[in-house]
Amino acid sequence: MLLAIDIGNTNVSLGAFQGETLKATWRLTTDARRMPDEYGLALMSLLPLRGVATSDINAVAICSSVPPLTQVFYELCENFFHVKSLVIEAGVRTGVKILYDNPRDVGADRIVQVAAAFRIYGGPLVVVDCGTATVFDAVTAQGEFLGGAIAPGLRLSAESLFSNTSQLRRVDLIAPKTAIGKNTTHAMQSGLVLGNVELIEGMVRRFKKELGQNAKVIGTGGLVPLIASETQVFDVVNLDLILVGLRMIHEMNAGTSPAEGRT
């Protein structure tokens, strides 16, 4: 059984695959201060709740946006599962040609998602990840990663409003019934949620002008259900895209030896 681990800025998402079937998923809070044993003990208590035994895990693929935690989870998997993880980084086959000015600047999570989207849906396509940041990525019909755009995500924008103003408070991230808010809470929800919807629709429109109007639009990320409820911009919503991508990339690299150690 393969354990796919996506270390994001807000959450660590994990998925256990039996072949191509995603059998179970878990989410942990991202905390760069936690040690391998702390995360390991938390994970060991969660696995049995979904019917997965420690001994079932015989392979691990890791994608990380938080460098300090990459080594933490690498050690965790060595100590608890006795396997050396495949870490998605430069030199790992992904099936996508990266045309970024400096390919090493592209986050591993972005590459994993576009690789999965291209293999599943074909190209050209735009992948929109609605998470801590709202990230747009463009892939050609030939599977070339052209680049993209990065904007503050919903929660990041909401927290910035709360932290940097004296009279605005935290609000639930839900869409108001009208764009014109009749009170401060609704006004903030309109600006945050509906404003983000307009951002996504506008950026997708611009991407299609450069990529082609036939480009498919794939939505993913923890906040995509909220956005998708307010727009028809997505052709497909796939919440497990990055986990599926980790499985696919692990298959591509099966038989290669992961690095003996990490720094």
C-alpha atoms as a PDB file:
ATOM      1  CA  MET A   1       0.000   0.000   0.000  1.00  0.00           C
ATOM      2  CA  LEU A   2       1.292   3.450  -0.952  1.00  0.00           C
ATOM      3  CA  LEU A   3       1.042   6.356   1.476  1.00  0.00           C
ATOM      4  CA  ALA A   4       0.884   9.706  -0.368  1.00  0.00           C
ATOM      5  CA  ILE A   5       1.778  12.743   1.749  1.00  0.00           C
ATOM      6  CA  ASP A   6       1.155  16.354   0.720  1.00  0.00           C
ATOM      7  CA  ILE A   7       2.733  18.791   3.190  1.00  0.00           C
ATOM      8  CA  GLY A   8       0.941  22.081   2.657  1.00  0.00           C
ATOM      9  CA  ASN A   9       1.229  25.427   4.406  1.00  0.00           C
ATOM     10  CA  THR A  10      -1.979  24.902   6.391  1.00  0.00           C
ATOM     11  CA  ASN A  11      -2.615  21.150   6.398  1.00  0.00           C
ATOM     12  CA  VAL A  12      -0.793  17.890   5.787  1.00  0.00           C
ATOM     13  CA  SER A  13      -3.004  15.695   3.594  1.00  0.00           C
ATOM     14  CA  LEU A  14      -2.377  11.965   3.460  1.00  0.00           C
ATOM     15  CA  GLY A  15      -3.906   9.216   1.349  1.00  0.00           C
ATOM     16  CA  ALA A  16      -3.464   5.434   1.349  1.00  0.00           C
ATOM     17  CA  PHE A  17      -3.668   3.743  -2.063  1.00  0.00           C
ATOM     18  CA  GLN A  18      -4.330   0.089  -2.738  1.00  0.00           C
ATOM     19  CA  GLY A  19      -3.279  -0.056  -6.367  1.00  0.00           C
ATOM     20  CA  GLU A  20      -5.098   2.822  -8.053  1.00  0.00           C
ATOM     21  CA  THR A  21      -7.827   2.971  -5.401  1.00  0.00           C
ATOM     22  CA  LEU A  22      -7.669   5.675  -2.749  1.00  0.00           C
ATOM     23  CA  LYS A  23      -8.723   3.681   0.324  1.00  0.00           C
ATOM     24  CA  ALA A  24      -8.467   6.339   3.036  1.00  0.00           C
ATOM     25  CA  THR A  25      -7.467   9.957   3.644  1.00  0.00           C
ATOM     26  CA  TRP A  26      -6.375  11.963   6.663  1.00  0.00           C
ATOM     27  CA  ARG A  27      -5.567  15.597   7.413  1.00  0.00           C
ATOM     28  CA  LEU A  28      -3.207  16.962  10.060  1.00  0.00           C
ATOM     29  CA  THR A  29      -2.431  20.557  10.982  1.00  0.00           C
ATOM     30  CA  THR A  30       0.869  21.790   9.575  1.00  0.00           C
ATOM     31  CA  ASP A  31       3.244  22.640  12.411  1.00  0.00           C
ATOM     32  CA  ALA A  32       6.944  22.998  11.578  1.00  0.00           C
ATOM     33  CA  ARG A  33       7.808  22.722  15.285  1.00  0.00           C
ATOM     34  CA  ARG A  34       6.626  19.122  15.593  1.00  0.00           C
ATOM     35  CA  MET A  35       9.162  16.310  15.591  1.00  0.00           C
ATOM     36  CA  PRO A  36       9.012  13.035  13.618  1.00  0.00           C
ATOM     37  CA  ASP A  37       7.871  11.079  16.668  1.00  0.00           C
ATOM     38  CA  GLU A  38       5.055  13.554  17.368  1.00  0.00           C
ATOM     39  CA  TYR A  39       3.666  13.313  13.841  1.00  0.00           C
ATOM     40  CA  GLY A  40       4.361   9.589  13.832  1.00  0.00           C
ATOM     41  CA  LEU A  41       2.357   8.937  16.980  1.00  0.00           C
ATOM     42  CA  ALA A  42      -0.516  11.029  15.644  1.00  0.00           C
ATOM     43  CA  LEU A  43      -0.518   9.097  12.381  1.00  0.00           C
ATOM     44  CA  MET A  44      -0.254   5.719  14.091  1.00  0.00           C
ATOM     45  CA  SER A  45      -3.410   6.508  16.037  1.00  0.00           C
ATOM     46  CA  LEU A  46      -5.266   7.569  12.875  1.00  0.00           C
ATOM     47  CA  LEU A  47      -4.385   4.699  10.524  1.00  0.00           C
ATOM     48  CA  PRO A  48      -6.433   1.990  12.308  1.00  0.00           C
ATOM     49  CA  LEU A  49      -9.521   4.216  12.333  1.00  0.00           C
ATOM     50  CA  ARG A  50      -9.666   3.783   8.534  1.00  0.00           C
ATOM     51  CA  GLY A  51      -8.716   0.124   8.564  1.00  0.00           C
ATOM     52  CA  VAL A  52      -5.053   0.642   7.620  1.00  0.00           C
ATOM     53  CA  ALA A  53      -2.298  -1.155   9.556  1.00  0.00           C
ATOM     54  CA  THR A  54       1.251   0.138   9.833  1.00  0.00           C
ATOM     55  CA  SER A  55       2.457  -3.052   8.175  1.00  0.00           C
ATOM     56  CA  ASP A  56       0.237  -2.326   5.139  1.00  0.00           C
ATOM     57  CA  ILE A  57       2.401   0.657   4.133  1.00  0.00           C
ATOM     58  CA  ASN A  58       5.285  -0.450   1.919  1.00  0.00           C
ATOM     59  CA  ALA A  59       5.893   2.717  -0.129  1.00  0.00           C
ATOM     60  CA  VAL A  60       5.673   6.467   0.466  1.00  0.00           C
ATOM     61  CA  ALA A  61       5.641   9.503  -1.843  1.00  0.00           C
ATOM     62  CA  ILE A  62       6.063  12.984  -0.376  1.00  0.00           C
ATOM     63  CA  CYS A  63       5.304  16.401  -1.819  1.00  0.00           C
ATOM     64  CA  SER A  64       6.204  19.352   0.396  1.00  0.00           C
ATOM     65  CA  SER A  65       5.654  23.107   0.395  1.00  0.00           C
ATOM     66  CA  VAL A  66       7.217  23.385   3.874  1.00  0.00           C
ATOM     67  CA  PRO A  67      10.937  22.491   3.623  1.00  0.00           C
ATOM     68  CA  PRO A  68      11.518  22.051   7.405  1.00  0.00           C
ATOM     69  CA  LEU A  69       8.847  19.328   7.474  1.00  0.00           C
ATOM     70  CA  THR A  70      10.184  17.390   4.484  1.00  0.00           C
ATOM     71  CA  GLN A  71      12.935  15.826   6.596  1.00  0.00           C
ATOM     72  CA  VAL A  72      10.510  15.320   9.496  1.00  0.00           C
ATOM     73  CA  PHE A  73       8.189  13.155   7.407  1.00  0.00           C
ATOM     74  CA  TYR A  74      11.084  11.409   5.664  1.00  0.00           C
ATOM     75  CA  GLU A  75      12.398  10.324   9.074  1.00  0.00           C
ATOM     76  CA  LEU A  76       8.907   9.452  10.276  1.00  0.00           C
ATOM     77  CA  CYS A  77       8.432   7.053   7.379  1.00  0.00           C
ATOM     78  CA  GLU A  78      11.820   5.453   7.960  1.00  0.00           C
ATOM     79  CA  ASN A  79      11.164   5.011  11.680  1.00  0.00           C
ATOM     80  CA  PHE A  80       7.530   3.886  11.597  1.00  0.00           C
ATOM     81  CA  PHE A  81       7.117   2.225   8.180  1.00  0.00           C
ATOM     82  CA  HIS A  82      10.755   1.231   7.512  1.00  0.00           C
ATOM     83  CA  VAL A  83      10.644   2.617   3.964  1.00  0.00           C
ATOM     84  CA  LYS A  84      12.619   5.315   2.166  1.00  0.00           C
ATOM     85  CA  SER A  85      10.206   7.858   0.720  1.00  0.00           C
ATOM     86  CA  LEU A  86      10.166   9.201  -2.811  1.00  0.00           C
ATOM     87  CA  VAL A  87      10.360  12.977  -2.359  1.00  0.00           C
ATOM     88  CA  ILE A  88       9.149  14.965  -5.358  1.00  0.00           C
ATOM     89  CA  GLU A  89      12.024  17.262  -6.301  1.00  0.00           C
ATOM     90  CA  ALA A  90      14.362  18.026  -9.197  1.00  0.00           C
ATOM     91  CA  GLY A  91      15.353  14.855 -11.007  1.00  0.00           C
ATOM     92  CA  VAL A  92      12.136  12.950 -10.333  1.00  0.00           C
ATOM     93  CA  ARG A  93      10.203  11.946 -13.451  1.00  0.00           C
ATOM     94  CA  THR A  94       6.774  13.597 -13.601  1.00  0.00           C
ATOM     95  CA  GLY A  95       5.698  13.327 -17.244  1.00  0.00           C
ATOM     96  CA  VAL A  96       5.517  17.128 -17.547  1.00  0.00           C
ATOM     97  CA  LYS A  97       8.078  19.329 -19.288  1.00  0.00           C
ATOM     98  CA  ILE A  98       8.691  22.441 -17.199  1.00  0.00           C
ATOM     99  CA  LEU A  99       9.174  25.656 -19.199  1.00  0.00           C
ATOM    100  CA  TYR A 100       9.474  27.943 -16.158  1.00  0.00           C
ATOM    101  CA  ASP A 101      12.472  30.325 -16.322  1.00  0.00           C
ATOM    102  CA  ASN A 102      14.011  28.421 -13.408  1.00  0.00           C
ATOM    103  CA  PRO A 103      12.327  24.997 -13.012  1.00  0.00           C
ATOM    104  CA  ARG A 104      13.652  24.716  -9.440  1.00  0.00           C
ATOM    105  CA  ASP A 105      11.503  27.701  -8.456  1.00  0.00           C
ATOM    106  CA  VAL A 106       8.269  25.790  -9.097  1.00  0.00           C
ATOM    107  CA  GLY A 107       6.681  24.292  -5.990  1.00  0.00           C
ATOM    108  CA  ALA A 108       6.549  20.504  -6.033  1.00  0.00           C
ATOM    109  CA  ASP A 109       2.828  20.604  -5.261  1.00  0.00           C
ATOM    110  CA  ARG A 110       2.167  22.564  -8.459  1.00  0.00           C
ATOM    111  CA  ILE A 111       4.084  20.070 -10.583  1.00  0.00           C
ATOM    112  CA  VAL A 112       2.357  17.075  -8.996  1.00  0.00           C
ATOM    113  CA  GLN A 113      -1.082  18.578  -9.621  1.00  0.00           C
ATOM    114  CA  VAL A 114      -0.505  19.547 -13.238  1.00  0.00           C
ATOM    115  CA  ALA A 115       1.100  16.157 -13.932  1.00  0.00           C
ATOM    116  CA  ALA A 116      -1.975  14.396 -12.560  1.00  0.00           C
ATOM    117  CA  ALA A 117      -4.401  16.719 -14.345  1.00  0.00           C
ATOM    118  CA  PHE A 118      -2.656  16.254 -17.691  1.00  0.00           C
ATOM    119  CA  ARG A 119      -2.623  12.459 -17.408  1.00  0.00           C
ATOM    120  CA  ILE A 120      -6.279  12.312 -16.357  1.00  0.00           C
ATOM    121  CA  TYR A 121      -7.866  15.064 -18.462  1.00  0.00           C
ATOM    122  CA  GLY A 122      -5.369  15.836 -21.219  1.00  0.00           C
ATOM    123  CA  GLY A 123      -4.405  19.319 -22.315  1.00  0.00           C
ATOM    124  CA  PRO A 124      -4.461  22.188 -22.717  1.00  0.00           C
ATOM    125  CA  LEU A 125      -5.653  22.903 -19.213  1.00  0.00           C
ATOM    126  CA  VAL A 126      -5.695  25.369 -16.358  1.00  0.00           C
ATOM    127  CA  VAL A 127      -5.387  24.009 -12.819  1.00  0.00           C
ATOM    128  CA  VAL A 128      -6.777  26.287 -10.089  1.00  0.00           C
ATOM    129  CA  ASP A 129      -5.740  25.367  -6.546  1.00  0.00           C
ATOM    130  CA  CYS A 130      -7.914  27.111  -3.969  1.00  0.00           C
ATOM    131  CA  GLY A 131      -5.867  26.751  -0.793  1.00  0.00           C
ATOM    132  CA  THR A 132      -3.730  28.993   1.408  1.00  0.00           C
ATOM    133  CA  ALA A 133      -2.883  30.730  -1.852  1.00  0.00           C
ATOM    134  CA  THR A 134      -5.024  30.696  -4.971  1.00  0.00           C
ATOM    135  CA  VAL A 135      -2.698  29.276  -7.610  1.00  0.00           C
ATOM    136  CA  PHE A 136      -3.286  29.097 -11.358  1.00  0.00           C
ATOM    137  CA  ASP A 137      -1.164  26.815 -13.539  1.00  0.00           C
ATOM    138  CA  ALA A 138      -1.184  26.419 -17.330  1.00  0.00           C
ATOM    139  CA  VAL A 139      -0.326  23.282 -19.301  1.00  0.00           C
ATOM    140  CA  THR A 140      -0.230  22.983 -23.100  1.00  0.00           C
ATOM    141  CA  ALA A 141      -1.760  20.240 -25.209  1.00  0.00           C
ATOM    142  CA  GLN A 142       1.725  18.672 -25.350  1.00  0.00           C
ATOM    143  CA  GLY A 143       2.042  18.480 -21.567  1.00  0.00           C
ATOM    144  CA  GLU A 144       4.317  21.498 -21.173  1.00  0.00           C
ATOM    145  CA  PHE A 145       4.033  23.433 -17.914  1.00  0.00           C
ATOM    146  CA  LEU A 146       4.157  27.085 -18.988  1.00  0.00           C
ATOM    147  CA  GLY A 147       3.821  28.781 -15.617  1.00  0.00           C
ATOM    148  CA  GLY A 148       0.974  30.449 -13.818  1.00  0.00           C
ATOM    149  CA  ALA A 149      -0.134  33.019 -11.266  1.00  0.00           C
ATOM    150  CA  ILE A 150      -0.278  33.159  -7.470  1.00  0.00           C
ATOM    151  CA  ALA A 151      -2.690  35.261  -5.401  1.00  0.00           C
ATOM    152  CA  PRO A 152      -3.619  35.323  -1.699  1.00  0.00           C
ATOM    153  CA  GLY A 153      -6.155  32.643  -0.835  1.00  0.00           C
ATOM    154  CA  LEU A 154      -9.468  33.182   0.909  1.00  0.00           C
ATOM    155  CA  ARG A 155      -8.294  32.380   4.440  1.00  0.00           C
ATOM    156  CA  LEU A 156      -5.075  34.342   4.017  1.00  0.00           C
ATOM    157  CA  SER A 157      -7.030  37.375   2.805  1.00  0.00           C
ATOM    158  CA  ALA A 158      -9.536  37.071   5.640  1.00  0.00           C
ATOM    159  CA  GLU A 159      -6.785  36.808   8.243  1.00  0.00           C
ATOM    160  CA  SER A 160      -5.014  39.819   6.760  1.00  0.00           C
ATOM    161  CA  LEU A 161      -8.196  41.897   7.022  1.00  0.00           C
ATOM    162  CA  PHE A 162      -8.693  40.893  10.640  1.00  0.00           C
ATOM    163  CA  SER A 163      -5.062  41.367  11.669  1.00  0.00           C
ATOM    164  CA  ASN A 164      -4.469  44.703   9.982  1.00  0.00           C
ATOM    165  CA  THR A 165      -7.677  46.588  10.764  1.00  0.00           C
ATOM    166  CA  SER A 166      -9.002  47.736  14.114  1.00  0.00           C
ATOM    167  CA  GLN A 167     -12.755  47.388  13.533  1.00  0.00           C
ATOM    168  CA  LEU A 168     -13.079  44.330  11.296  1.00  0.00           C
ATOM    169  CA  ARG A 169     -13.518  40.923  12.894  1.00  0.00           C
ATOM    170  CA  ARG A 170     -13.168  37.355  11.716  1.00  0.00           C
ATOM    171  CA  VAL A 171     -16.114  36.097   9.670  1.00  0.00           C
ATOM    172  CA  ASP A 172     -17.243  32.711   8.440  1.00  0.00           C
ATOM    173  CA  LEU A 173     -16.159  32.069   4.877  1.00  0.00           C
ATOM    174  CA  ILE A 174     -19.558  31.618   3.280  1.00  0.00           C
ATOM    175  CA  ALA A 175     -21.109  33.337   0.298  1.00  0.00           C
ATOM    176  CA  PRO A 176     -23.690  36.021   1.096  1.00  0.00           C
ATOM    177  CA  LYS A 177     -26.993  36.067  -0.770  1.00  0.00           C
ATOM    178  CA  THR A 178     -26.203  39.409  -2.403  1.00  0.00           C
ATOM    179  CA  ALA A 179     -23.010  41.121  -3.515  1.00  0.00           C
ATOM    180  CA  ILE A 180     -24.095  44.334  -1.789  1.00  0.00           C
ATOM    181  CA  GLY A 181     -23.612  43.680   1.916  1.00  0.00           C
ATOM    182  CA  LYS A 182     -26.091  45.394   4.261  1.00  0.00           C
ATOM    183  CA  ASN A 183     -23.855  44.875   7.298  1.00  0.00           C
ATOM    184  CA  THR A 184     -20.127  44.558   7.921  1.00  0.00           C
ATOM    185  CA  THR A 185     -20.140  40.766   8.127  1.00  0.00           C
ATOM    186  CA  HIS A 186     -21.952  40.359   4.828  1.00  0.00           C
ATOM    187  CA  ALA A 187     -19.817  43.052   3.220  1.00  0.00           C
ATOM    188  CA  MET A 188     -16.645  41.197   4.214  1.00  0.00           C
ATOM    189  CA  GLN A 189     -18.060  37.871   3.025  1.00  0.00           C
ATOM    190  CA  SER A 190     -18.971  39.450  -0.286  1.00  0.00           C
ATOM    191  CA  GLY A 191     -15.538  40.929  -0.780  1.00  0.00           C
ATOM    192  CA  LEU A 192     -13.732  37.775   0.293  1.00  0.00           C
ATOM    193  CA  VAL A 193     -15.815  35.009  -1.266  1.00  0.00           C
ATOM    194  CA  LEU A 194     -17.444  36.681  -4.265  1.00  0.00           C
ATOM    195  CA  GLY A 195     -14.337  38.761  -4.842  1.00  0.00           C
ATOM    196  CA  ASN A 196     -12.263  35.584  -5.012  1.00  0.00           C
ATOM    197  CA  VAL A 197     -14.775  34.076  -7.431  1.00  0.00           C
ATOM    198  CA  GLU A 198     -14.383  37.098  -9.707  1.00  0.00           C
ATOM    199  CA  LEU A 199     -10.607  36.856  -9.404  1.00  0.00           C
ATOM    200  CA  ILE A 200     -10.692  33.214 -10.491  1.00  0.00           C
ATOM    201  CA  GLU A 201     -13.107  33.810 -13.363  1.00  0.00           C
ATOM    202  CA  GLY A 202     -11.062  36.775 -14.586  1.00  0.00           C
ATOM    203  CA  MET A 203      -7.736  34.969 -14.399  1.00  0.00           C
ATOM    204  CA  VAL A 204      -9.118  31.876 -16.129  1.00  0.00           C
ATOM    205  CA  ARG A 205     -10.441  34.123 -18.900  1.00  0.00           C
ATOM    206  CA  ARG A 206      -6.985  35.667 -19.324  1.00  0.00           C
ATOM    207  CA  PHE A 207      -5.279  32.265 -19.252  1.00  0.00           C
ATOM    208  CA  LYS A 208      -7.601  30.963 -21.966  1.00  0.00           C
ATOM    209  CA  LYS A 209      -6.735  33.932 -24.182  1.00  0.00           C
ATOM    210  CA  GLU A 210      -3.087  32.866 -24.013  1.00  0.00           C
ATOM    211  CA  LEU A 211      -3.554  29.095 -23.849  1.00  0.00           C
ATOM    212  CA  GLY A 212      -6.614  28.530 -26.021  1.00  0.00           C
ATOM    213  CA  GLN A 213     -10.349  28.716 -25.422  1.00  0.00           C
ATOM    214  CA  ASN A 214     -10.585  24.919 -25.418  1.00  0.00           C
ATOM    215  CA  ALA A 215      -8.475  24.635 -22.274  1.00  0.00           C
ATOM    216  CA  LYS A 216     -10.123  22.571 -19.549  1.00  0.00           C
ATOM    217  CA  VAL A 217     -10.321  24.172 -16.114  1.00  0.00           C
ATOM    218  CA  ILE A 218      -9.637  21.876 -13.153  1.00  0.00           C
ATOM    219  CA  GLY A 219     -10.441  23.035  -9.629  1.00  0.00           C
ATOM    220  CA  THR A 220      -8.765  21.582  -6.552  1.00  0.00           C
ATOM    221  CA  GLY A 221      -7.760  22.572  -3.017  1.00  0.00           C
ATOM    222  CA  GLY A 222      -9.604  22.711   0.278  1.00  0.00           C
ATOM    223  CA  LEU A 223     -11.695  25.772  -0.551  1.00  0.00           C
ATOM    224  CA  VAL A 224     -12.720  24.769  -4.060  1.00  0.00           C
ATOM    225  CA  PRO A 225     -16.180  23.461  -3.003  1.00  0.00           C
ATOM    226  CA  LEU A 226     -17.063  26.944  -1.703  1.00  0.00           C
ATOM    227  CA  ILE A 227     -15.839  28.621  -4.894  1.00  0.00           C
ATOM    228  CA  ALA A 228     -17.477  26.016  -7.144  1.00  0.00           C
ATOM    229  CA  SER A 229     -20.853  26.683  -5.504  1.00  0.00           C
ATOM    230  CA  GLU A 230     -20.712  30.265  -6.836  1.00  0.00           C
ATOM    231  CA  THR A 231     -19.339  29.797 -10.353  1.00  0.00           C
ATOM    232  CA  GLN A 232     -19.443  27.533 -13.391  1.00  0.00           C
ATOM    233  CA  VAL A 233     -15.812  28.250 -14.286  1.00  0.00           C
ATOM    234  CA  PHE A 234     -14.585  24.735 -13.444  1.00  0.00           C
ATOM    235  CA  ASP A 235     -15.032  21.889 -15.893  1.00  0.00           C
ATOM    236  CA  VAL A 236     -13.986  19.418 -13.202  1.00  0.00           C
ATOM    237  CA  VAL A 237     -13.480  19.593  -9.437  1.00  0.00           C
ATOM    238  CA  ASN A 238     -11.038  17.024  -8.060  1.00  0.00           C
ATOM    239  CA  LEU A 239     -10.267  17.343  -4.348  1.00  0.00           C
ATOM    240  CA  ASP A 240      -7.799  14.444  -4.403  1.00  0.00           C
ATOM    241  CA  LEU A 241      -5.791  15.639  -7.406  1.00  0.00           C
ATOM    242  CA  ILE A 242      -2.473  16.024  -5.587  1.00  0.00           C
ATOM    243  CA  LEU A 243      -2.735  12.655  -3.829  1.00  0.00           C
ATOM    244  CA  VAL A 244      -3.558  10.949  -7.121  1.00  0.00           C
ATOM    245  CA  GLY A 245      -0.639  12.777  -8.702  1.00  0.00           C
ATOM    246  CA  LEU A 246       1.712  11.462  -6.033  1.00  0.00           C
ATOM    247  CA  ARG A 247       0.552   7.928  -6.789  1.00  0.00           C
ATOM    248  CA  MET A 248       1.081   8.422 -10.533  1.00  0.00           C
ATOM    249  CA  ILE A 249       4.553   9.898 -10.106  1.00  0.00           C
ATOM    250  CA  HIS A 250       5.508   7.120  -7.706  1.00  0.00           C
ATOM    251  CA  GLU A 251       4.514   4.598 -10.383  1.00  0.00           C
ATOM    252  CA  MET A 252       6.626   6.431 -12.980  1.00  0.00           C
ATOM    253  CA  ASN A 253       9.644   6.253 -10.714  1.00  0.00           C
ATOM    254  CA  ALA A 254       9.129   2.710  -9.408  1.00  0.00           C
ATOM    255  CA  GLY A 255      12.406   0.843  -9.444  1.00  0.00           C
ATOM    256  CA  THR A 256      14.541   3.940  -8.882  1.00  0.00           C
ATOM    257  CA  SER A 257      16.240   4.311  -5.528  1.00  0.00           C
ATOM    258  CA  PRO A 258      15.234   7.252  -3.318  1.00  0.00           C
ATOM    259  CA  ALA A 259      18.081   9.299  -1.898  1.00  0.00           C
ATOM    260  CA  GLU A 260      19.853   7.538   0.954  1.00  0.00           C
ATOM    261  CA  GLY A 261      19.554  10.561   3.191  1.00  0.00           C
ATOM    262  CA  ARG A 262      18.102  14.037   3.257  1.00  0.00           C
ATOM    263  CA  THR A 263      19.314  17.355   4.554  1.00  0.00           C
END
